[in-house]
Amino acid sequence: MKKDIHPKNYRLAVFLDPSVDFKFLTGTVLKSTETIKWEDGKEYPLIKLDISSASHPFFTGKMKLLDAEGRVDRFNRRYGKK
């Protein structure tokens, strides 16, 4: 293995998606000035997310599927060869 290729400041942190109050603990090198007390009683840096698997439409099953065939037909009618 190559030496000195891994970051030195790797540590545990809590990631929070405030829109659905979803939290998880994982390793990261991101910096944060906020901290939060985790379920084990220890304090960890807090990193807020805009979206996570708990709020993303693909993972929640609320994703809309577009009618691709209808769109292609409409495009061909407008811009297709005449």
PDB file of N, CA and C in Angstrom:
ATOM      1  N   MET A   1       0.826  -1.191   0.000  1.00  0.00           N
ATOM      2  CA  MET A   1       0.000   0.000   0.000  1.00  0.00           C
ATOM      3  C   MET A   1       0.866   1.249   0.000  1.00  0.00           C
ATOM      4  N   LYS A   2       0.383   2.274  -0.661  1.00  0.00           N
ATOM      5  CA  LYS A   2       1.108   3.541  -0.671  1.00  0.00           C
ATOM      6  C   LYS A   2       0.987   4.218   0.684  1.00  0.00           C
ATOM      7  N   LYS A   3       2.035   4.870   1.100  1.00  0.00           N
ATOM      8  CA  LYS A   3       2.029   5.593   2.370  1.00  0.00           C
ATOM      9  C   LYS A   3       1.640   7.042   2.136  1.00  0.00           C
ATOM     10  N   ASP A   4       1.064   7.643   3.154  1.00  0.00           N
ATOM     11  CA  ASP A   4       0.718   9.069   3.182  1.00  0.00           C
ATOM     12  C   ASP A   4      -0.261   9.484   2.088  1.00  0.00           C
ATOM     13  N   ILE A   5      -1.203   8.609   1.727  1.00  0.00           N
ATOM     14  CA  ILE A   5      -2.227   9.011   0.763  1.00  0.00           C
ATOM     15  C   ILE A   5      -3.583   9.242   1.433  1.00  0.00           C
ATOM     16  N   HIS A   6      -3.725   8.845   2.675  1.00  0.00           N
ATOM     17  CA  HIS A   6      -4.985   9.019   3.385  1.00  0.00           C
ATOM     18  C   HIS A   6      -4.973  10.319   4.183  1.00  0.00           C
ATOM     19  N   PRO A   7      -6.117  10.981   4.294  1.00  0.00           N
ATOM     20  CA  PRO A   7      -6.165  12.246   5.036  1.00  0.00           C
ATOM     21  C   PRO A   7      -5.882  12.038   6.524  1.00  0.00           C
ATOM     22  N   LYS A   8      -5.256  13.032   7.113  1.00  0.00           N
ATOM     23  CA  LYS A   8      -4.896  12.949   8.538  1.00  0.00           C
ATOM     24  C   LYS A   8      -6.059  13.349   9.445  1.00  0.00           C
ATOM     25  N   ASN A   9      -6.999  14.172   8.931  1.00  0.00           N
ATOM     26  CA  ASN A   9      -8.057  14.715   9.772  1.00  0.00           C
ATOM     27  C   ASN A   9      -9.373  13.933   9.634  1.00  0.00           C
ATOM     28  N   TYR A  10      -9.304  12.636   9.352  1.00  0.00           N
ATOM     29  CA  TYR A  10     -10.487  11.785   9.232  1.00  0.00           C
ATOM     30  C   TYR A  10     -11.045  11.523  10.623  1.00  0.00           C
ATOM     31  N   ARG A  11     -12.359  11.778  10.800  1.00  0.00           N
ATOM     32  CA  ARG A  11     -12.981  11.587  12.113  1.00  0.00           C
ATOM     33  C   ARG A  11     -14.473  11.292  11.929  1.00  0.00           C
ATOM     34  N   LEU A  12     -15.133  10.910  13.000  1.00  0.00           N
ATOM     35  CA  LEU A  12     -16.570  10.659  12.966  1.00  0.00           C
ATOM     36  C   LEU A  12     -17.322  11.978  13.051  1.00  0.00           C
ATOM     37  N   ALA A  13     -18.473  12.056  12.373  1.00  0.00           N
ATOM     38  CA  ALA A  13     -19.325  13.239  12.413  1.00  0.00           C
ATOM     39  C   ALA A  13     -20.768  12.799  12.198  1.00  0.00           C
ATOM     40  N   VAL A  14     -21.695  13.622  12.661  1.00  0.00           N
ATOM     41  CA  VAL A  14     -23.119  13.369  12.481  1.00  0.00           C
ATOM     42  C   VAL A  14     -23.608  14.226  11.321  1.00  0.00           C
ATOM     43  N   PHE A  15     -24.272  13.585  10.358  1.00  0.00           N
ATOM     44  CA  PHE A  15     -24.879  14.288   9.237  1.00  0.00           C
ATOM     45  C   PHE A  15     -26.372  14.394   9.512  1.00  0.00           C
ATOM     46  N   LEU A  16     -26.949  15.579   9.303  1.00  0.00           N
ATOM     47  CA  LEU A  16     -28.350  15.835   9.610  1.00  0.00           C
ATOM     48  C   LEU A  16     -29.054  16.405   8.391  1.00  0.00           C
ATOM     49  N   ASP A  17     -30.192  15.802   8.042  1.00  0.00           N
ATOM     50  CA  ASP A  17     -31.091  16.350   7.026  1.00  0.00           C
ATOM     51  C   ASP A  17     -32.249  16.979   7.793  1.00  0.00           C
ATOM     52  N   PRO A  18     -32.231  18.311   7.997  1.00  0.00           N
ATOM     53  CA  PRO A  18     -33.241  18.950   8.843  1.00  0.00           C
ATOM     54  C   PRO A  18     -34.660  18.886   8.282  1.00  0.00           C
ATOM     55  N   SER A  19     -34.833  18.679   6.979  1.00  0.00           N
ATOM     56  CA  SER A  19     -36.173  18.662   6.402  1.00  0.00           C
ATOM     57  C   SER A  19     -36.996  17.467   6.887  1.00  0.00           C
ATOM     58  N   VAL A  20     -36.332  16.367   7.231  1.00  0.00           N
ATOM     59  CA  VAL A  20     -37.035  15.181   7.722  1.00  0.00           C
ATOM     60  C   VAL A  20     -36.476  14.699   9.064  1.00  0.00           C
ATOM     61  N   ASP A  21     -35.589  15.458   9.660  1.00  0.00           N
ATOM     62  CA  ASP A  21     -34.955  15.129  10.938  1.00  0.00           C
ATOM     63  C   ASP A  21     -34.314  13.738  10.898  1.00  0.00           C
ATOM     64  N   PHE A  22     -33.527  13.498   9.861  1.00  0.00           N
ATOM     65  CA  PHE A  22     -32.813  12.231   9.671  1.00  0.00           C
ATOM     66  C   PHE A  22     -31.340  12.456   9.967  1.00  0.00           C
ATOM     67  N   LYS A  23     -30.773  11.635  10.876  1.00  0.00           N
ATOM     68  CA  LYS A  23     -29.375  11.770  11.275  1.00  0.00           C
ATOM     69  C   LYS A  23     -28.660  10.439  11.104  1.00  0.00           C
ATOM     70  N   PHE A  24     -27.387  10.531  10.755  1.00  0.00           N
ATOM     71  CA  PHE A  24     -26.560   9.328  10.737  1.00  0.00           C
ATOM     72  C   PHE A  24     -25.118   9.704  11.062  1.00  0.00           C
ATOM     73  N   LEU A  25     -24.411   8.758  11.636  1.00  0.00           N
ATOM     74  CA  LEU A  25     -23.033   8.939  12.077  1.00  0.00           C
ATOM     75  C   LEU A  25     -22.118   8.200  11.125  1.00  0.00           C
ATOM     76  N   THR A  26     -21.114   8.906  10.606  1.00  0.00           N
ATOM     77  CA  THR A  26     -20.164   8.287   9.685  1.00  0.00           C
ATOM     78  C   THR A  26     -18.855   9.056   9.715  1.00  0.00           C
ATOM     79  N   GLY A  27     -17.845   8.512   9.090  1.00  0.00           N
ATOM     80  CA  GLY A  27     -16.545   9.160   9.032  1.00  0.00           C
ATOM     81  C   GLY A  27     -16.482  10.192   7.921  1.00  0.00           C
ATOM     82  N   THR A  28     -15.716  11.244   8.138  1.00  0.00           N
ATOM     83  CA  THR A  28     -15.596  12.312   7.156  1.00  0.00           C
ATOM     84  C   THR A  28     -14.338  13.136   7.415  1.00  0.00           C
ATOM     85  N   VAL A  29     -13.988  13.964   6.443  1.00  0.00           N
ATOM     86  CA  VAL A  29     -12.913  14.942   6.614  1.00  0.00           C
ATOM     87  C   VAL A  29     -13.472  16.363   6.565  1.00  0.00           C
ATOM     88  N   LEU A  30     -14.802  16.503   6.406  1.00  0.00           N
ATOM     89  CA  LEU A  30     -15.422  17.833   6.375  1.00  0.00           C
ATOM     90  C   LEU A  30     -15.290  18.520   7.723  1.00  0.00           C
ATOM     91  N   LYS A  31     -15.190  19.839   7.690  1.00  0.00           N
ATOM     92  CA  LYS A  31     -15.074  20.624   8.915  1.00  0.00           C
ATOM     93  C   LYS A  31     -16.426  21.203   9.302  1.00  0.00           C
ATOM     94  N   SER A  32     -16.647  21.364  10.591  1.00  0.00           N
ATOM     95  CA  SER A  32     -17.882  21.941  11.087  1.00  0.00           C
ATOM     96  C   SER A  32     -17.627  22.658  12.399  1.00  0.00           C
ATOM     97  N   THR A  33     -18.346  23.759  12.612  1.00  0.00           N
ATOM     98  CA  THR A  33     -18.215  24.494  13.874  1.00  0.00           C
ATOM     99  C   THR A  33     -19.292  24.082  14.863  1.00  0.00           C
ATOM    100  N   GLU A  34     -20.341  23.407  14.382  1.00  0.00           N
ATOM    101  CA  GLU A  34     -21.431  22.965  15.255  1.00  0.00           C
ATOM    102  C   GLU A  34     -21.165  21.549  15.753  1.00  0.00           C
ATOM    103  N   THR A  35     -21.712  21.249  16.923  1.00  0.00           N
ATOM    104  CA  THR A  35     -21.605  19.895  17.468  1.00  0.00           C
ATOM    105  C   THR A  35     -22.991  19.431  17.915  1.00  0.00           C
ATOM    106  N   ILE A  36     -23.123  18.122  18.077  1.00  0.00           N
ATOM    107  CA  ILE A  36     -24.382  17.529  18.527  1.00  0.00           C
ATOM    108  C   ILE A  36     -24.056  16.316  19.384  1.00  0.00           C
ATOM    109  N   LYS A  37     -24.901  16.049  20.374  1.00  0.00           N
ATOM    110  CA  LYS A  37     -24.725  14.872  21.217  1.00  0.00           C
ATOM    111  C   LYS A  37     -25.421  13.703  20.532  1.00  0.00           C
ATOM    112  N   TRP A  38     -24.692  12.608  20.317  1.00  0.00           N
ATOM    113  CA  TRP A  38     -25.207  11.439  19.613  1.00  0.00           C
ATOM    114  C   TRP A  38     -25.797  10.460  20.614  1.00  0.00           C
ATOM    115  N   GLU A  39     -26.389   9.384  20.125  1.00  0.00           N
ATOM    116  CA  GLU A  39     -27.063   8.386  20.959  1.00  0.00           C
ATOM    117  C   GLU A  39     -26.136   7.711  21.963  1.00  0.00           C
ATOM    118  N   ASP A  40     -24.839   7.682  21.677  1.00  0.00           N
ATOM    119  CA  ASP A  40     -23.893   7.050  22.594  1.00  0.00           C
ATOM    120  C   ASP A  40     -23.437   7.994  23.704  1.00  0.00           C
ATOM    121  N   GLY A  41     -23.962   9.224  23.713  1.00  0.00           N
ATOM    122  CA  GLY A  41     -23.632  10.200  24.752  1.00  0.00           C
ATOM    123  C   GLY A  41     -22.436  11.079  24.427  1.00  0.00           C
ATOM    124  N   LYS A  42     -21.727  10.805  23.355  1.00  0.00           N
ATOM    125  CA  LYS A  42     -20.566  11.607  22.965  1.00  0.00           C
ATOM    126  C   LYS A  42     -20.988  12.743  22.045  1.00  0.00           C
ATOM    127  N   GLU A  43     -20.168  13.789  22.004  1.00  0.00           N
ATOM    128  CA  GLU A  43     -20.427  14.905  21.095  1.00  0.00           C
ATOM    129  C   GLU A  43     -19.598  14.737  19.837  1.00  0.00           C
ATOM    130  N   TYR A  44     -20.241  14.999  18.696  1.00  0.00           N
ATOM    131  CA  TYR A  44     -19.597  14.890  17.391  1.00  0.00           C
ATOM    132  C   TYR A  44     -19.867  16.158  16.597  1.00  0.00           C
ATOM    133  N   PRO A  45     -19.010  16.466  15.627  1.00  0.00           N
ATOM    134  CA  PRO A  45     -19.288  17.598  14.738  1.00  0.00           C
ATOM    135  C   PRO A  45     -20.586  17.342  13.966  1.00  0.00           C
ATOM    136  N   LEU A  46     -21.353  18.402  13.718  1.00  0.00           N
ATOM    137  CA  LEU A  46     -22.628  18.305  13.011  1.00  0.00           C
ATOM    138  C   LEU A  46     -22.492  18.921  11.625  1.00  0.00           C
ATOM    139  N   ILE A  47     -22.886  18.173  10.611  1.00  0.00           N
ATOM    140  CA  ILE A  47     -22.864  18.657   9.234  1.00  0.00           C
ATOM    141  C   ILE A  47     -24.277  18.544   8.695  1.00  0.00           C
ATOM    142  N   LYS A  48     -24.850  19.692   8.277  1.00  0.00           N
ATOM    143  CA  LYS A  48     -26.225  19.723   7.786  1.00  0.00           C
ATOM    144  C   LYS A  48     -26.251  19.487   6.277  1.00  0.00           C
ATOM    145  N   LEU A  49     -27.212  18.659   5.849  1.00  0.00           N
ATOM    146  CA  LEU A  49     -27.380  18.311   4.440  1.00  0.00           C
ATOM    147  C   LEU A  49     -28.651  18.950   3.895  1.00  0.00           C
ATOM    148  N   ASP A  50     -28.653  19.254   2.609  1.00  0.00           N
ATOM    149  CA  ASP A  50     -29.860  19.757   1.960  1.00  0.00           C
ATOM    150  C   ASP A  50     -30.804  18.609   1.621  1.00  0.00           C
ATOM    151  N   ILE A  51     -30.243  17.451   1.310  1.00  0.00           N
ATOM    152  CA  ILE A  51     -31.054  16.307   0.900  1.00  0.00           C
ATOM    153  C   ILE A  51     -30.312  15.023   1.273  1.00  0.00           C
ATOM    154  N   SER A  52     -31.070  14.000   1.611  1.00  0.00           N
ATOM    155  CA  SER A  52     -30.488  12.702   1.961  1.00  0.00           C
ATOM    156  C   SER A  52     -31.378  11.602   1.410  1.00  0.00           C
ATOM    157  N   SER A  53     -31.044  10.369   1.690  1.00  0.00           N
ATOM    158  CA  SER A  53     -31.862   9.254   1.214  1.00  0.00           C
ATOM    159  C   SER A  53     -33.254   9.270   1.851  1.00  0.00           C
ATOM    160  N   ALA A  54     -33.394   9.932   2.996  1.00  0.00           N
ATOM    161  CA  ALA A  54     -34.696  10.001   3.663  1.00  0.00           C
ATOM    162  C   ALA A  54     -35.616  11.045   3.042  1.00  0.00           C
ATOM    163  N   SER A  55     -35.063  11.985   2.261  1.00  0.00           N
ATOM    164  CA  SER A  55     -35.905  13.026   1.672  1.00  0.00           C
ATOM    165  C   SER A  55     -35.838  13.087   0.150  1.00  0.00           C
ATOM    166  N   HIS A  56     -34.940  12.347  -0.464  1.00  0.00           N
ATOM    167  CA  HIS A  56     -34.819  12.374  -1.931  1.00  0.00           C
ATOM    168  C   HIS A  56     -35.972  11.601  -2.563  1.00  0.00           C
ATOM    169  N   PRO A  57     -36.638  12.179  -3.564  1.00  0.00           N
ATOM    170  CA  PRO A  57     -37.804  11.516  -4.179  1.00  0.00           C
ATOM    171  C   PRO A  57     -37.513  10.124  -4.734  1.00  0.00           C
ATOM    172  N   PHE A  58     -36.320   9.887  -5.214  1.00  0.00           N
ATOM    173  CA  PHE A  58     -36.000   8.561  -5.749  1.00  0.00           C
ATOM    174  C   PHE A  58     -36.085   7.493  -4.658  1.00  0.00           C
ATOM    175  N   PHE A  59     -35.590   7.796  -3.470  1.00  0.00           N
ATOM    176  CA  PHE A  59     -35.561   6.819  -2.381  1.00  0.00           C
ATOM    177  C   PHE A  59     -36.876   6.749  -1.619  1.00  0.00           C
ATOM    178  N   THR A  60     -37.667   7.833  -1.638  1.00  0.00           N
ATOM    179  CA  THR A  60     -38.933   7.839  -0.905  1.00  0.00           C
ATOM    180  C   THR A  60     -40.075   7.276  -1.728  1.00  0.00           C
ATOM    181  N   GLY A  61     -39.868   7.062  -3.036  1.00  0.00           N
ATOM    182  CA  GLY A  61     -40.911   6.527  -3.892  1.00  0.00           C
ATOM    183  C   GLY A  61     -41.872   7.569  -4.416  1.00  0.00           C
ATOM    184  N   LYS A  62     -41.551   8.847  -4.253  1.00  0.00           N
ATOM    185  CA  LYS A  62     -42.434   9.923  -4.702  1.00  0.00           C
ATOM    186  C   LYS A  62     -41.951  10.552  -6.002  1.00  0.00           C
ATOM    187  N   MET A  63     -41.056   9.860  -6.698  1.00  0.00           N
ATOM    188  CA  MET A  63     -40.510  10.402  -7.937  1.00  0.00           C
ATOM    189  C   MET A  63     -41.532  10.274  -9.059  1.00  0.00           C
ATOM    190  N   LYS A  64     -41.697  11.350  -9.837  1.00  0.00           N
ATOM    191  CA  LYS A  64     -42.608  11.335 -10.965  1.00  0.00           C
ATOM    192  C   LYS A  64     -41.864  10.843 -12.202  1.00  0.00           C
ATOM    193  N   LEU A  65     -42.475   9.950 -12.915  1.00  0.00           N
ATOM    194  CA  LEU A  65     -41.893   9.490 -14.168  1.00  0.00           C
ATOM    195  C   LEU A  65     -42.582  10.231 -15.309  1.00  0.00           C
ATOM    196  N   LEU A  66     -41.796  10.813 -16.185  1.00  0.00           N
ATOM    197  CA  LEU A  66     -42.352  11.564 -17.296  1.00  0.00           C
ATOM    198  C   LEU A  66     -42.699  10.636 -18.450  1.00  0.00           C
ATOM    199  N   ASP A  67     -43.689  11.032 -19.197  1.00  0.00           N
ATOM    200  CA  ASP A  67     -44.103  10.280 -20.378  1.00  0.00           C
ATOM    201  C   ASP A  67     -43.121  10.588 -21.496  1.00  0.00           C
ATOM    202  N   ALA A  68     -42.055   9.817 -21.571  1.00  0.00           N
ATOM    203  CA  ALA A  68     -40.992  10.084 -22.538  1.00  0.00           C
ATOM    204  C   ALA A  68     -41.483   9.891 -23.968  1.00  0.00           C
ATOM    205  N   GLU A  69     -42.318   8.901 -24.210  1.00  0.00           N
ATOM    206  CA  GLU A  69     -42.783   8.642 -25.566  1.00  0.00           C
ATOM    207  C   GLU A  69     -43.637   9.796 -26.076  1.00  0.00           C
ATOM    208  N   GLY A  70     -44.502  10.305 -25.258  1.00  0.00           N
ATOM    209  CA  GLY A  70     -45.316  11.448 -25.657  1.00  0.00           C
ATOM    210  C   GLY A  70     -44.475  12.666 -25.969  1.00  0.00           C
ATOM    211  N   ARG A  71     -43.421  12.881 -25.232  1.00  0.00           N
ATOM    212  CA  ARG A  71     -42.546  14.026 -25.466  1.00  0.00           C
ATOM    213  C   ARG A  71     -41.780  13.869 -26.777  1.00  0.00           C
ATOM    214  N   VAL A  72     -41.339  12.660 -27.067  1.00  0.00           N
ATOM    215  CA  VAL A  72     -40.606  12.418 -28.309  1.00  0.00           C
ATOM    216  C   VAL A  72     -41.527  12.638 -29.505  1.00  0.00           C
ATOM    217  N   ASP A  73     -42.742  12.114 -29.411  1.00  0.00           N
ATOM    218  CA  ASP A  73     -43.701  12.303 -30.500  1.00  0.00           C
ATOM    219  C   ASP A  73     -43.999  13.777 -30.726  1.00  0.00           C
ATOM    220  N   ARG A  74     -44.175  14.515 -29.672  1.00  0.00           N
ATOM    221  CA  ARG A  74     -44.455  15.949 -29.795  1.00  0.00           C
ATOM    222  C   ARG A  74     -43.261  16.674 -30.427  1.00  0.00           C
ATOM    223  N   PHE A  75     -42.040  16.295 -30.032  1.00  0.00           N
ATOM    224  CA  PHE A  75     -40.840  16.894 -30.619  1.00  0.00           C
ATOM    225  C   PHE A  75     -40.779  16.604 -32.117  1.00  0.00           C
ATOM    226  N   ASN A  76     -41.028  15.353 -32.499  1.00  0.00           N
ATOM    227  CA  ASN A  76     -40.980  14.977 -33.910  1.00  0.00           C
ATOM    228  C   ASN A  76     -42.052  15.710 -34.728  1.00  0.00           C
ATOM    229  N   ARG A  77     -43.225  15.898 -34.157  1.00  0.00           N
ATOM    230  CA  ARG A  77     -44.266  16.642 -34.879  1.00  0.00           C
ATOM    231  C   ARG A  77     -43.854  18.091 -35.105  1.00  0.00           C
ATOM    232  N   ARG A  78     -43.220  18.692 -34.105  1.00  0.00           N
ATOM    233  CA  ARG A  78     -42.819  20.105 -34.216  1.00  0.00           C
ATOM    234  C   ARG A  78     -41.610  20.303 -35.105  1.00  0.00           C
ATOM    235  N   TYR A  79     -40.564  19.503 -34.866  1.00  0.00           N
ATOM    236  CA  TYR A  79     -39.275  19.767 -35.497  1.00  0.00           C
ATOM    237  C   TYR A  79     -38.820  18.670 -36.449  1.00  0.00           C
ATOM    238  N   GLY A  80     -39.611  17.625 -36.620  1.00  0.00           N
ATOM    239  CA  GLY A  80     -39.226  16.517 -37.482  1.00  0.00           C
ATOM    240  C   GLY A  80     -39.224  16.915 -38.949  1.00  0.00           C
ATOM    241  N   LYS A  81     -38.736  16.007 -39.772  1.00  0.00           N
ATOM    242  CA  LYS A  81     -38.690  16.270 -41.212  1.00  0.00           C
ATOM    243  C   LYS A  81     -40.095  16.365 -41.775  1.00  0.00           C
ATOM    244  N   LYS A  82     -40.267  17.282 -42.687  1.00  0.00           N
ATOM    245  CA  LYS A  82     -41.593  17.493 -43.287  1.00  0.00           C
ATOM    246  C   LYS A  82     -41.626  17.010 -44.695  1.00  0.00           C
TER     247      LYS A  82
END
